[in-house]
Amino acid sequence: VQLQASGGGLVQAGGSLRLSCAASGTAFSMYAMNWYRQAPGKQRELVAIIGTGGSTNYADSVKGRFTVSRDNAKNMVYLQMNSLKPEDTAVYYCNTKGWYGNFWGQGTLVTVSS
């Protein structure tokens, strides 16, 4: 599985960004997909999960502001980020892991200015 994240950039606090992650392969609909982030000097943390059936779960720090979604027909997963805060600044990674392995995209940088 190859994952390609995109959509990062510089945004002011309170703004929005939408990250995208394109996945290769024909079994995408069978993969739960995750978004992680890693801020400078901090450990990588799980931000959002979307299951194969569309169920979602979020880190407390982003609940109510971030929305994860997927389009199985396009092999895409998205992370809509609203009301961004400077503490959301990080490299964001898409990930999938299971019986088939553990795969990471290359990361996309999100910088939120105050």
PDB file of N, CA and C in Angstrom:
ATOM      1  N   VAL A   1       0.857  -1.184   0.000  1.00  0.00           N
ATOM      2  CA  VAL A   1       0.000   0.000   0.000  1.00  0.00           C
ATOM      3  C   VAL A   1       0.894   1.236   0.000  1.00  0.00           C
ATOM      4  N   GLN A   2       0.642   2.123  -0.935  1.00  0.00           N
ATOM      5  CA  GLN A   2       1.360   3.400  -0.964  1.00  0.00           C
ATOM      6  C   GLN A   2       0.375   4.505  -0.633  1.00  0.00           C
ATOM      7  N   LEU A   3       0.833   5.425   0.214  1.00  0.00           N
ATOM      8  CA  LEU A   3      -0.007   6.530   0.663  1.00  0.00           C
ATOM      9  C   LEU A   3       0.676   7.842   0.333  1.00  0.00           C
ATOM     10  N   GLN A   4      -0.095   8.786  -0.165  1.00  0.00           N
ATOM     11  CA  GLN A   4       0.436  10.093  -0.556  1.00  0.00           C
ATOM     12  C   GLN A   4      -0.436  11.167   0.053  1.00  0.00           C
ATOM     13  N   ALA A   5       0.107  11.870   1.034  1.00  0.00           N
ATOM     14  CA  ALA A   5      -0.634  12.941   1.694  1.00  0.00           C
ATOM     15  C   ALA A   5      -0.334  14.276   1.032  1.00  0.00           C
ATOM     16  N   SER A   6      -1.322  15.142   1.038  1.00  0.00           N
ATOM     17  CA  SER A   6      -1.159  16.481   0.473  1.00  0.00           C
ATOM     18  C   SER A   6      -2.140  17.434   1.135  1.00  0.00           C
ATOM     19  N   GLY A   7      -1.961  18.722   0.846  1.00  0.00           N
ATOM     20  CA  GLY A   7      -2.906  19.710   1.325  1.00  0.00           C
ATOM     21  C   GLY A   7      -2.423  20.581   2.459  1.00  0.00           C
ATOM     22  N   GLY A   8      -1.239  20.318   2.977  1.00  0.00           N
ATOM     23  CA  GLY A   8      -0.726  21.139   4.057  1.00  0.00           C
ATOM     24  C   GLY A   8      -0.353  22.529   3.567  1.00  0.00           C
ATOM     25  N   GLY A   9      -0.058  23.396   4.513  1.00  0.00           N
ATOM     26  CA  GLY A   9       0.330  24.752   4.168  1.00  0.00           C
ATOM     27  C   GLY A   9       0.332  25.645   5.387  1.00  0.00           C
ATOM     28  N   LEU A  10       0.430  26.931   5.112  1.00  0.00           N
ATOM     29  CA  LEU A  10       0.441  27.943   6.170  1.00  0.00           C
ATOM     30  C   LEU A  10      -0.934  28.586   6.252  1.00  0.00           C
ATOM     31  N   VAL A  11      -1.470  28.644   7.447  1.00  0.00           N
ATOM     32  CA  VAL A  11      -2.796  29.220   7.641  1.00  0.00           C
ATOM     33  C   VAL A  11      -2.797  29.998   8.955  1.00  0.00           C
ATOM     34  N   GLN A  12      -3.618  31.022   9.015  1.00  0.00           N
ATOM     35  CA  GLN A  12      -3.737  31.783  10.258  1.00  0.00           C
ATOM     36  C   GLN A  12      -4.628  31.049  11.246  1.00  0.00           C
ATOM     37  N   ALA A  13      -4.416  31.325  12.499  1.00  0.00           N
ATOM     38  CA  ALA A  13      -5.270  30.743  13.530  1.00  0.00           C
ATOM     39  C   ALA A  13      -6.729  31.061  13.232  1.00  0.00           C
ATOM     40  N   GLY A  14      -7.571  30.074  13.416  1.00  0.00           N
ATOM     41  CA  GLY A  14      -8.983  30.210  13.109  1.00  0.00           C
ATOM     42  C   GLY A  14      -9.345  29.777  11.704  1.00  0.00           C
ATOM     43  N   GLY A  15      -8.346  29.558  10.890  1.00  0.00           N
ATOM     44  CA  GLY A  15      -8.579  29.164   9.507  1.00  0.00           C
ATOM     45  C   GLY A  15      -8.807  27.672   9.353  1.00  0.00           C
ATOM     46  N   SER A  16      -8.900  27.262   8.091  1.00  0.00           N
ATOM     47  CA  SER A  16      -9.208  25.867   7.759  1.00  0.00           C
ATOM     48  C   SER A  16      -8.251  25.349   6.694  1.00  0.00           C
ATOM     49  N   LEU A  17      -8.057  24.050   6.732  1.00  0.00           N
ATOM     50  CA  LEU A  17      -7.330  23.340   5.686  1.00  0.00           C
ATOM     51  C   LEU A  17      -7.976  21.979   5.516  1.00  0.00           C
ATOM     52  N   ARG A  18      -7.848  21.437   4.325  1.00  0.00           N
ATOM     53  CA  ARG A  18      -8.280  20.067   4.104  1.00  0.00           C
ATOM     54  C   ARG A  18      -7.095  19.262   3.591  1.00  0.00           C
ATOM     55  N   LEU A  19      -6.751  18.238   4.336  1.00  0.00           N
ATOM     56  CA  LEU A  19      -5.696  17.329   3.916  1.00  0.00           C
ATOM     57  C   LEU A  19      -6.311  16.168   3.147  1.00  0.00           C
ATOM     58  N   SER A  20      -5.555  15.682   2.182  1.00  0.00           N
ATOM     59  CA  SER A  20      -5.978  14.536   1.400  1.00  0.00           C
ATOM     60  C   SER A  20      -4.907  13.454   1.463  1.00  0.00           C
ATOM     61  N   CYS A  21      -5.353  12.226   1.343  1.00  0.00           N
ATOM     62  CA  CYS A  21      -4.418  11.106   1.304  1.00  0.00           C
ATOM     63  C   CYS A  21      -4.904  10.142   0.232  1.00  0.00           C
ATOM     64  N   ALA A  22      -4.071   9.942  -0.758  1.00  0.00           N
ATOM     65  CA  ALA A  22      -4.379   9.014  -1.840  1.00  0.00           C
ATOM     66  C   ALA A  22      -3.709   7.678  -1.554  1.00  0.00           C
ATOM     67  N   ALA A  23      -4.461   6.613  -1.716  1.00  0.00           N
ATOM     68  CA  ALA A  23      -3.951   5.275  -1.437  1.00  0.00           C
ATOM     69  C   ALA A  23      -3.943   4.444  -2.710  1.00  0.00           C
ATOM     70  N   SER A  24      -2.939   3.611  -2.830  1.00  0.00           N
ATOM     71  CA  SER A  24      -2.870   2.698  -3.971  1.00  0.00           C
ATOM     72  C   SER A  24      -3.570   1.401  -3.606  1.00  0.00           C
ATOM     73  N   GLY A  25      -3.761   0.566  -4.605  1.00  0.00           N
ATOM     74  CA  GLY A  25      -4.293  -0.756  -4.351  1.00  0.00           C
ATOM     75  C   GLY A  25      -5.786  -0.857  -4.558  1.00  0.00           C
ATOM     76  N   THR A  26      -6.242  -2.099  -4.577  1.00  0.00           N
ATOM     77  CA  THR A  26      -7.651  -2.365  -4.877  1.00  0.00           C
ATOM     78  C   THR A  26      -8.460  -2.731  -3.642  1.00  0.00           C
ATOM     79  N   ALA A  27      -7.800  -2.778  -2.490  1.00  0.00           N
ATOM     80  CA  ALA A  27      -8.504  -3.204  -1.273  1.00  0.00           C
ATOM     81  C   ALA A  27      -8.715  -2.055  -0.294  1.00  0.00           C
ATOM     82  N   PHE A  28      -8.678  -0.837  -0.812  1.00  0.00           N
ATOM     83  CA  PHE A  28      -8.744   0.342   0.058  1.00  0.00           C
ATOM     84  C   PHE A  28      -9.953   0.307   0.984  1.00  0.00           C
ATOM     85  N   SER A  29     -11.087  -0.122   0.468  1.00  0.00           N
ATOM     86  CA  SER A  29     -12.312  -0.111   1.264  1.00  0.00           C
ATOM     87  C   SER A  29     -12.218  -1.042   2.471  1.00  0.00           C
ATOM     88  N   MET A  30     -11.242  -1.930   2.465  1.00  0.00           N
ATOM     89  CA  MET A  30     -11.072  -2.881   3.563  1.00  0.00           C
ATOM     90  C   MET A  30     -10.126  -2.360   4.636  1.00  0.00           C
ATOM     91  N   TYR A  31      -9.545  -1.168   4.423  1.00  0.00           N
ATOM     92  CA  TYR A  31      -8.557  -0.633   5.352  1.00  0.00           C
ATOM     93  C   TYR A  31      -9.178   0.437   6.248  1.00  0.00           C
ATOM     94  N   ALA A  32      -8.980   0.301   7.544  1.00  0.00           N
ATOM     95  CA  ALA A  32      -9.201   1.457   8.403  1.00  0.00           C
ATOM     96  C   ALA A  32      -8.054   2.429   8.157  1.00  0.00           C
ATOM     97  N   MET A  33      -8.344   3.708   8.181  1.00  0.00           N
ATOM     98  CA  MET A  33      -7.346   4.732   7.867  1.00  0.00           C
ATOM     99  C   MET A  33      -7.178   5.670   9.057  1.00  0.00           C
ATOM    100  N   ASN A  34      -5.950   6.073   9.256  1.00  0.00           N
ATOM    101  CA  ASN A  34      -5.615   6.928  10.394  1.00  0.00           C
ATOM    102  C   ASN A  34      -4.910   8.188   9.919  1.00  0.00           C
ATOM    103  N   TRP A  35      -5.102   9.239  10.673  1.00  0.00           N
ATOM    104  CA  TRP A  35      -4.285  10.446  10.539  1.00  0.00           C
ATOM    105  C   TRP A  35      -3.512  10.629  11.846  1.00  0.00           C
ATOM    106  N   TYR A  36      -2.221  10.804  11.698  1.00  0.00           N
ATOM    107  CA  TYR A  36      -1.343  11.119  12.832  1.00  0.00           C
ATOM    108  C   TYR A  36      -0.727  12.496  12.584  1.00  0.00           C
ATOM    109  N   ARG A  37      -0.166  13.038  13.631  1.00  0.00           N
ATOM    110  CA  ARG A  37       0.622  14.248  13.465  1.00  0.00           C
ATOM    111  C   ARG A  37       1.809  14.221  14.422  1.00  0.00           C
ATOM    112  N   GLN A  38       2.845  14.943  14.022  1.00  0.00           N
ATOM    113  CA  GLN A  38       4.029  15.054  14.871  1.00  0.00           C
ATOM    114  C   GLN A  38       4.495  16.500  14.869  1.00  0.00           C
ATOM    115  N   ALA A  39       4.395  17.113  16.028  1.00  0.00           N
ATOM    116  CA  ALA A  39       4.857  18.481  16.194  1.00  0.00           C
ATOM    117  C   ALA A  39       6.348  18.464  16.514  1.00  0.00           C
ATOM    118  N   PRO A  40       7.046  19.567  16.254  1.00  0.00           N
ATOM    119  CA  PRO A  40       8.480  19.627  16.536  1.00  0.00           C
ATOM    120  C   PRO A  40       8.782  19.288  17.991  1.00  0.00           C
ATOM    121  N   GLY A  41       9.681  18.344  18.189  1.00  0.00           N
ATOM    122  CA  GLY A  41      10.090  17.977  19.537  1.00  0.00           C
ATOM    123  C   GLY A  41       9.114  17.112  20.299  1.00  0.00           C
ATOM    124  N   LYS A  42       8.055  16.668  19.622  1.00  0.00           N
ATOM    125  CA  LYS A  42       7.036  15.866  20.307  1.00  0.00           C
ATOM    126  C   LYS A  42       6.884  14.518  19.623  1.00  0.00           C
ATOM    127  N   GLN A  43       6.260  13.602  20.340  1.00  0.00           N
ATOM    128  CA  GLN A  43       5.997  12.294  19.774  1.00  0.00           C
ATOM    129  C   GLN A  43       4.838  12.358  18.792  1.00  0.00           C
ATOM    130  N   ARG A  44       4.842  11.425  17.879  1.00  0.00           N
ATOM    131  CA  ARG A  44       3.742  11.327  16.929  1.00  0.00           C
ATOM    132  C   ARG A  44       2.483  10.928  17.680  1.00  0.00           C
ATOM    133  N   GLU A  45       1.377  11.583  17.353  1.00  0.00           N
ATOM    134  CA  GLU A  45       0.120  11.293  18.042  1.00  0.00           C
ATOM    135  C   GLU A  45      -0.988  11.004  17.039  1.00  0.00           C
ATOM    136  N   LEU A  46      -1.891  10.140  17.458  1.00  0.00           N
ATOM    137  CA  LEU A  46      -3.039   9.792  16.632  1.00  0.00           C
ATOM    138  C   LEU A  46      -4.072  10.904  16.711  1.00  0.00           C
ATOM    139  N   VAL A  47      -4.516  11.356  15.552  1.00  0.00           N
ATOM    140  CA  VAL A  47      -5.459  12.469  15.480  1.00  0.00           C
ATOM    141  C   VAL A  47      -6.870  11.982  15.184  1.00  0.00           C
ATOM    142  N   ALA A  48      -6.989  11.094  14.192  1.00  0.00           N
ATOM    143  CA  ALA A  48      -8.320  10.662  13.766  1.00  0.00           C
ATOM    144  C   ALA A  48      -8.228   9.294  13.121  1.00  0.00           C
ATOM    145  N   ILE A  49      -9.326   8.567  13.252  1.00  0.00           N
ATOM    146  CA  ILE A  49      -9.460   7.234  12.672  1.00  0.00           C
ATOM    147  C   ILE A  49     -10.782   7.178  11.921  1.00  0.00           C
ATOM    148  N   ILE A  50     -10.762   6.520  10.775  1.00  0.00           N
ATOM    149  CA  ILE A  50     -12.015   6.209  10.098  1.00  0.00           C
ATOM    150  C   ILE A  50     -11.994   4.739   9.736  1.00  0.00           C
ATOM    151  N   GLY A  51     -13.034   4.032  10.182  1.00  0.00           N
ATOM    152  CA  GLY A  51     -13.117   2.615   9.938  1.00  0.00           C
ATOM    153  C   GLY A  51     -13.614   2.296   8.543  1.00  0.00           C
ATOM    154  N   THR A  52     -13.651   1.004   8.260  1.00  0.00           N
ATOM    155  CA  THR A  52     -14.088   0.575   6.937  1.00  0.00           C
ATOM    156  C   THR A  52     -15.554   0.915   6.687  1.00  0.00           C
ATOM    157  N   GLY A  53     -16.326   0.967   7.737  1.00  0.00           N
ATOM    158  CA  GLY A  53     -17.739   1.302   7.601  1.00  0.00           C
ATOM    159  C   GLY A  53     -18.038   2.775   7.776  1.00  0.00           C
ATOM    160  N   GLY A  54     -16.983   3.575   7.958  1.00  0.00           N
ATOM    161  CA  GLY A  54     -17.163   5.013   8.093  1.00  0.00           C
ATOM    162  C   GLY A  54     -17.234   5.509   9.526  1.00  0.00           C
ATOM    163  N   SER A  55     -17.111   4.620  10.484  1.00  0.00           N
ATOM    164  CA  SER A  55     -17.094   5.089  11.868  1.00  0.00           C
ATOM    165  C   SER A  55     -15.836   5.893  12.121  1.00  0.00           C
ATOM    166  N   THR A  56     -15.938   6.877  12.985  1.00  0.00           N
ATOM    167  CA  THR A  56     -14.811   7.782  13.221  1.00  0.00           C
ATOM    168  C   THR A  56     -14.509   7.915  14.705  1.00  0.00           C
ATOM    169  N   ASN A  57     -13.289   8.303  14.971  1.00  0.00           N
ATOM    170  CA  ASN A  57     -12.869   8.574  16.335  1.00  0.00           C
ATOM    171  C   ASN A  57     -11.783   9.637  16.266  1.00  0.00           C
ATOM    172  N   TYR A  58     -11.735  10.487  17.295  1.00  0.00           N
ATOM    173  CA  TYR A  58     -10.826  11.629  17.266  1.00  0.00           C
ATOM    174  C   TYR A  58     -10.098  11.785  18.591  1.00  0.00           C
ATOM    175  N   ALA A  59      -8.920  12.365  18.506  1.00  0.00           N
ATOM    176  CA  ALA A  59      -8.232  12.786  19.715  1.00  0.00           C
ATOM    177  C   ALA A  59      -9.043  13.902  20.366  1.00  0.00           C
ATOM    178  N   ASP A  60      -9.003  13.955  21.680  1.00  0.00           N
ATOM    179  CA  ASP A  60      -9.767  14.973  22.395  1.00  0.00           C
ATOM    180  C   ASP A  60      -9.388  16.382  21.932  1.00  0.00           C
ATOM    181  N   SER A  61      -8.136  16.564  21.592  1.00  0.00           N
ATOM    182  CA  SER A  61      -7.640  17.890  21.232  1.00  0.00           C
ATOM    183  C   SER A  61      -8.229  18.429  19.929  1.00  0.00           C
ATOM    184  N   VAL A  62      -8.808  17.554  19.108  1.00  0.00           N
ATOM    185  CA  VAL A  62      -9.332  18.005  17.815  1.00  0.00           C
ATOM    186  C   VAL A  62     -10.833  17.768  17.669  1.00  0.00           C
ATOM    187  N   LYS A  63     -11.444  17.146  18.656  1.00  0.00           N
ATOM    188  CA  LYS A  63     -12.882  16.874  18.569  1.00  0.00           C
ATOM    189  C   LYS A  63     -13.658  18.164  18.373  1.00  0.00           C
ATOM    190  N   GLY A  64     -14.601  18.102  17.439  1.00  0.00           N
ATOM    191  CA  GLY A  64     -15.421  19.266  17.169  1.00  0.00           C
ATOM    192  C   GLY A  64     -14.808  20.229  16.173  1.00  0.00           C
ATOM    193  N   ARG A  65     -13.529  20.031  15.853  1.00  0.00           N
ATOM    194  CA  ARG A  65     -12.851  20.918  14.892  1.00  0.00           C
ATOM    195  C   ARG A  65     -12.404  20.178  13.634  1.00  0.00           C
ATOM    196  N   PHE A  66     -12.027  18.927  13.776  1.00  0.00           N
ATOM    197  CA  PHE A  66     -11.544  18.128  12.656  1.00  0.00           C
ATOM    198  C   PHE A  66     -12.595  17.084  12.269  1.00  0.00           C
ATOM    199  N   THR A  67     -12.650  16.789  10.981  1.00  0.00           N
ATOM    200  CA  THR A  67     -13.552  15.757  10.472  1.00  0.00           C
ATOM    201  C   THR A  67     -12.797  14.885   9.480  1.00  0.00           C
ATOM    202  N   VAL A  68     -12.800  13.587   9.735  1.00  0.00           N
ATOM    203  CA  VAL A  68     -12.172  12.643   8.814  1.00  0.00           C
ATOM    204  C   VAL A  68     -13.260  12.001   7.956  1.00  0.00           C
ATOM    205  N   SER A  69     -12.959  11.812   6.682  1.00  0.00           N
ATOM    206  CA  SER A  69     -13.912  11.188   5.767  1.00  0.00           C
ATOM    207  C   SER A  69     -13.142  10.371   4.746  1.00  0.00           C
ATOM    208  N   ARG A  70     -13.871   9.562   4.008  1.00  0.00           N
ATOM    209  CA  ARG A  70     -13.223   8.743   2.998  1.00  0.00           C
ATOM    210  C   ARG A  70     -14.120   8.608   1.787  1.00  0.00           C
ATOM    211  N   ASP A  71     -13.481   8.387   0.640  1.00  0.00           N
ATOM    212  CA  ASP A  71     -14.184   8.123  -0.616  1.00  0.00           C
ATOM    213  C   ASP A  71     -13.571   6.843  -1.176  1.00  0.00           C
ATOM    214  N   ASN A  72     -14.245   5.752  -0.947  1.00  0.00           N
ATOM    215  CA  ASN A  72     -13.679   4.467  -1.362  1.00  0.00           C
ATOM    216  C   ASN A  72     -13.584   4.343  -2.876  1.00  0.00           C
ATOM    217  N   ALA A  73     -14.461   5.015  -3.594  1.00  0.00           N
ATOM    218  CA  ALA A  73     -14.416   4.942  -5.051  1.00  0.00           C
ATOM    219  C   ALA A  73     -13.155   5.593  -5.605  1.00  0.00           C
ATOM    220  N   LYS A  74     -12.617   6.546  -4.854  1.00  0.00           N
ATOM    221  CA  LYS A  74     -11.427   7.269  -5.309  1.00  0.00           C
ATOM    222  C   LYS A  74     -10.170   6.862  -4.537  1.00  0.00           C
ATOM    223  N   ASN A  75     -10.309   5.935  -3.608  1.00  0.00           N
ATOM    224  CA  ASN A  75      -9.168   5.555  -2.759  1.00  0.00           C
ATOM    225  C   ASN A  75      -8.581   6.758  -2.028  1.00  0.00           C
ATOM    226  N   MET A  76      -9.459   7.579  -1.472  1.00  0.00           N
ATOM    227  CA  MET A  76      -9.024   8.804  -0.826  1.00  0.00           C
ATOM    228  C   MET A  76      -9.550   8.867   0.599  1.00  0.00           C
ATOM    229  N   VAL A  77      -8.755   9.461   1.466  1.00  0.00           N
ATOM    230  CA  VAL A  77      -9.200   9.809   2.807  1.00  0.00           C
ATOM    231  C   VAL A  77      -8.842  11.273   3.030  1.00  0.00           C
ATOM    232  N   TYR A  78      -9.698  11.969   3.753  1.00  0.00           N
ATOM    233  CA  TYR A  78      -9.561  13.403   3.944  1.00  0.00           C
ATOM    234  C   TYR A  78      -9.564  13.749   5.428  1.00  0.00           C
ATOM    235  N   LEU A  79      -8.948  14.869   5.729  1.00  0.00           N
ATOM    236  CA  LEU A  79      -9.032  15.421   7.072  1.00  0.00           C
ATOM    237  C   LEU A  79      -9.352  16.902   6.937  1.00  0.00           C
ATOM    238  N   GLN A  80     -10.589  17.252   7.222  1.00  0.00           N
ATOM    239  CA  GLN A  80     -11.005  18.644   7.225  1.00  0.00           C
ATOM    240  C   GLN A  80     -10.692  19.239   8.585  1.00  0.00           C
ATOM    241  N   MET A  81      -9.899  20.286   8.576  1.00  0.00           N
ATOM    242  CA  MET A  81      -9.455  20.897   9.827  1.00  0.00           C
ATOM    243  C   MET A  81      -9.962  22.323   9.885  1.00  0.00           C
ATOM    244  N   ASN A  82     -10.815  22.592  10.841  1.00  0.00           N
ATOM    245  CA  ASN A  82     -11.389  23.923  11.032  1.00  0.00           C
ATOM    246  C   ASN A  82     -10.936  24.507  12.367  1.00  0.00           C
ATOM    247  N   SER A  83     -11.119  25.787  12.502  1.00  0.00           N
ATOM    248  CA  SER A  83     -10.760  26.492  13.747  1.00  0.00           C
ATOM    249  C   SER A  83      -9.352  26.122  14.196  1.00  0.00           C
ATOM    250  N   LEU A  84      -8.437  26.189  13.259  1.00  0.00           N
ATOM    251  CA  LEU A  84      -7.069  25.766  13.544  1.00  0.00           C
ATOM    252  C   LEU A  84      -6.415  26.655  14.583  1.00  0.00           C
ATOM    253  N   LYS A  85      -5.564  26.018  15.376  1.00  0.00           N
ATOM    254  CA  LYS A  85      -4.840  26.693  16.450  1.00  0.00           C
ATOM    255  C   LYS A  85      -3.336  26.536  16.214  1.00  0.00           C
ATOM    256  N   PRO A  86      -2.553  27.441  16.771  1.00  0.00           N
ATOM    257  CA  PRO A  86      -1.093  27.286  16.616  1.00  0.00           C
ATOM    258  C   PRO A  86      -0.591  25.924  17.089  1.00  0.00           C
ATOM    259  N   GLU A  87      -1.225  25.359  18.090  1.00  0.00           N
ATOM    260  CA  GLU A  87      -0.797  24.047  18.589  1.00  0.00           C
ATOM    261  C   GLU A  87      -1.133  22.894  17.651  1.00  0.00           C
ATOM    262  N   ASP A  88      -1.854  23.185  16.572  1.00  0.00           N
ATOM    263  CA  ASP A  88      -2.096  22.175  15.543  1.00  0.00           C
ATOM    264  C   ASP A  88      -0.929  22.090  14.559  1.00  0.00           C
ATOM    265  N   THR A  89       0.026  22.981  14.683  1.00  0.00           N
ATOM    266  CA  THR A  89       1.190  22.961  13.800  1.00  0.00           C
ATOM    267  C   THR A  89       1.943  21.645  13.951  1.00  0.00           C
ATOM    268  N   ALA A  90       2.124  20.951  12.839  1.00  0.00           N
ATOM    269  CA  ALA A  90       2.748  19.628  12.865  1.00  0.00           C
ATOM    270  C   ALA A  90       2.876  19.119  11.441  1.00  0.00           C
ATOM    271  N   VAL A  91       3.627  18.045  11.302  1.00  0.00           N
ATOM    272  CA  VAL A  91       3.585  17.261  10.073  1.00  0.00           C
ATOM    273  C   VAL A  91       2.494  16.209  10.252  1.00  0.00           C
ATOM    274  N   TYR A  92       1.594  16.161   9.300  1.00  0.00           N
ATOM    275  CA  TYR A  92       0.458  15.242   9.359  1.00  0.00           C
ATOM    276  C   TYR A  92       0.713  14.062   8.419  1.00  0.00           C
ATOM    277  N   TYR A  93       0.453  12.878   8.944  1.00  0.00           N
ATOM    278  CA  TYR A  93       0.694  11.653   8.199  1.00  0.00           C
ATOM    279  C   TYR A  93      -0.590  10.830   8.096  1.00  0.00           C
ATOM    280  N   CYS A  94      -0.806  10.243   6.938  1.00  0.00           N
ATOM    281  CA  CYS A  94      -1.854   9.240   6.861  1.00  0.00           C
ATOM    282  C   CYS A  94      -1.210   7.877   7.022  1.00  0.00           C
ATOM    283  N   ASN A  95      -2.002   6.969   7.527  1.00  0.00           N
ATOM    284  CA  ASN A  95      -1.488   5.648   7.907  1.00  0.00           C
ATOM    285  C   ASN A  95      -2.587   4.621   7.809  1.00  0.00           C
ATOM    286  N   THR A  96      -2.201   3.411   7.485  1.00  0.00           N
ATOM    287  CA  THR A  96      -3.093   2.282   7.616  1.00  0.00           C
ATOM    288  C   THR A  96      -2.282   1.096   8.122  1.00  0.00           C
ATOM    289  N   LYS A  97      -2.889   0.328   9.006  1.00  0.00           N
ATOM    290  CA  LYS A  97      -2.185  -0.818   9.555  1.00  0.00           C
ATOM    291  C   LYS A  97      -3.183  -1.895   9.926  1.00  0.00           C
ATOM    292  N   GLY A  98      -2.735  -3.131   9.749  1.00  0.00           N
ATOM    293  CA  GLY A  98      -3.574  -4.270  10.052  1.00  0.00           C
ATOM    294  C   GLY A  98      -2.833  -5.543   9.716  1.00  0.00           C
ATOM    295  N   TRP A  99      -3.592  -6.546   9.387  1.00  0.00           N
ATOM    296  CA  TRP A  99      -2.997  -7.846   9.068  1.00  0.00           C
ATOM    297  C   TRP A  99      -2.092  -7.749   7.837  1.00  0.00           C
ATOM    298  N   TYR A 100      -2.292  -6.730   7.016  1.00  0.00           N
ATOM    299  CA  TYR A 100      -1.573  -6.533   5.757  1.00  0.00           C
ATOM    300  C   TYR A 100      -0.287  -5.736   5.936  1.00  0.00           C
ATOM    301  N   GLY A 101      -0.046  -5.219   7.135  1.00  0.00           N
ATOM    302  CA  GLY A 101       1.168  -4.450   7.361  1.00  0.00           C
ATOM    303  C   GLY A 101       0.880  -3.103   7.974  1.00  0.00           C
ATOM    304  N   ASN A 102       1.896  -2.243   7.979  1.00  0.00           N
ATOM    305  CA  ASN A 102       1.794  -0.921   8.576  1.00  0.00           C
ATOM    306  C   ASN A 102       2.411   0.065   7.591  1.00  0.00           C
ATOM    307  N   PHE A 103       1.586   0.932   7.024  1.00  0.00           N
ATOM    308  CA  PHE A 103       2.019   1.782   5.925  1.00  0.00           C
ATOM    309  C   PHE A 103       1.805   3.254   6.263  1.00  0.00           C
ATOM    310  N   TRP A 104       2.797   4.083   5.869  1.00  0.00           N
ATOM    311  CA  TRP A 104       2.760   5.515   6.150  1.00  0.00           C
ATOM    312  C   TRP A 104       2.935   6.320   4.871  1.00  0.00           C
ATOM    313  N   GLY A 105       2.230   7.429   4.806  1.00  0.00           N
ATOM    314  CA  GLY A 105       2.503   8.406   3.774  1.00  0.00           C
ATOM    315  C   GLY A 105       3.703   9.242   4.165  1.00  0.00           C
ATOM    316  N   GLN A 106       4.100  10.153   3.304  1.00  0.00           N
ATOM    317  CA  GLN A 106       5.331  10.911   3.526  1.00  0.00           C
ATOM    318  C   GLN A 106       5.137  12.112   4.436  1.00  0.00           C
ATOM    319  N   GLY A 107       3.916  12.470   4.753  1.00  0.00           N
ATOM    320  CA  GLY A 107       3.655  13.602   5.637  1.00  0.00           C
ATOM    321  C   GLY A 107       3.469  14.895   4.875  1.00  0.00           C
ATOM    322  N   THR A 108       2.632  15.744   5.428  1.00  0.00           N
ATOM    323  CA  THR A 108       2.414  17.074   4.867  1.00  0.00           C
ATOM    324  C   THR A 108       2.411  18.073   6.025  1.00  0.00           C
ATOM    325  N   LEU A 109       3.126  19.168   5.843  1.00  0.00           N
ATOM    326  CA  LEU A 109       3.339  20.121   6.933  1.00  0.00           C
ATOM    327  C   LEU A 109       2.191  21.116   7.016  1.00  0.00           C
ATOM    328  N   VAL A 110       1.650  21.244   8.207  1.00  0.00           N
ATOM    329  CA  VAL A 110       0.635  22.255   8.506  1.00  0.00           C
ATOM    330  C   VAL A 110       1.236  23.229   9.510  1.00  0.00           C
ATOM    331  N   THR A 111       1.230  24.502   9.143  1.00  0.00           N
ATOM    332  CA  THR A 111       1.734  25.543  10.031  1.00  0.00           C
ATOM    333  C   THR A 111       0.618  26.540  10.294  1.00  0.00           C
ATOM    334  N   VAL A 112       0.296  26.726  11.559  1.00  0.00           N
ATOM    335  CA  VAL A 112      -0.764  27.649  11.949  1.00  0.00           C
ATOM    336  C   VAL A 112      -0.124  28.827  12.673  1.00  0.00           C
ATOM    337  N   SER A 113      -0.283  29.999  12.101  1.00  0.00           N
ATOM    338  CA  SER A 113       0.311  31.198  12.699  1.00  0.00           C
ATOM    339  C   SER A 113      -0.679  31.881  13.630  1.00  0.00           C
ATOM    340  N   SER A 114      -0.157  32.496  14.664  1.00  0.00           N
ATOM    341  CA  SER A 114      -1.026  33.168  15.640  1.00  0.00           C
ATOM    342  C   SER A 114      -1.272  34.620  15.255  1.00  0.00           C
TER     343      SER A 114
END
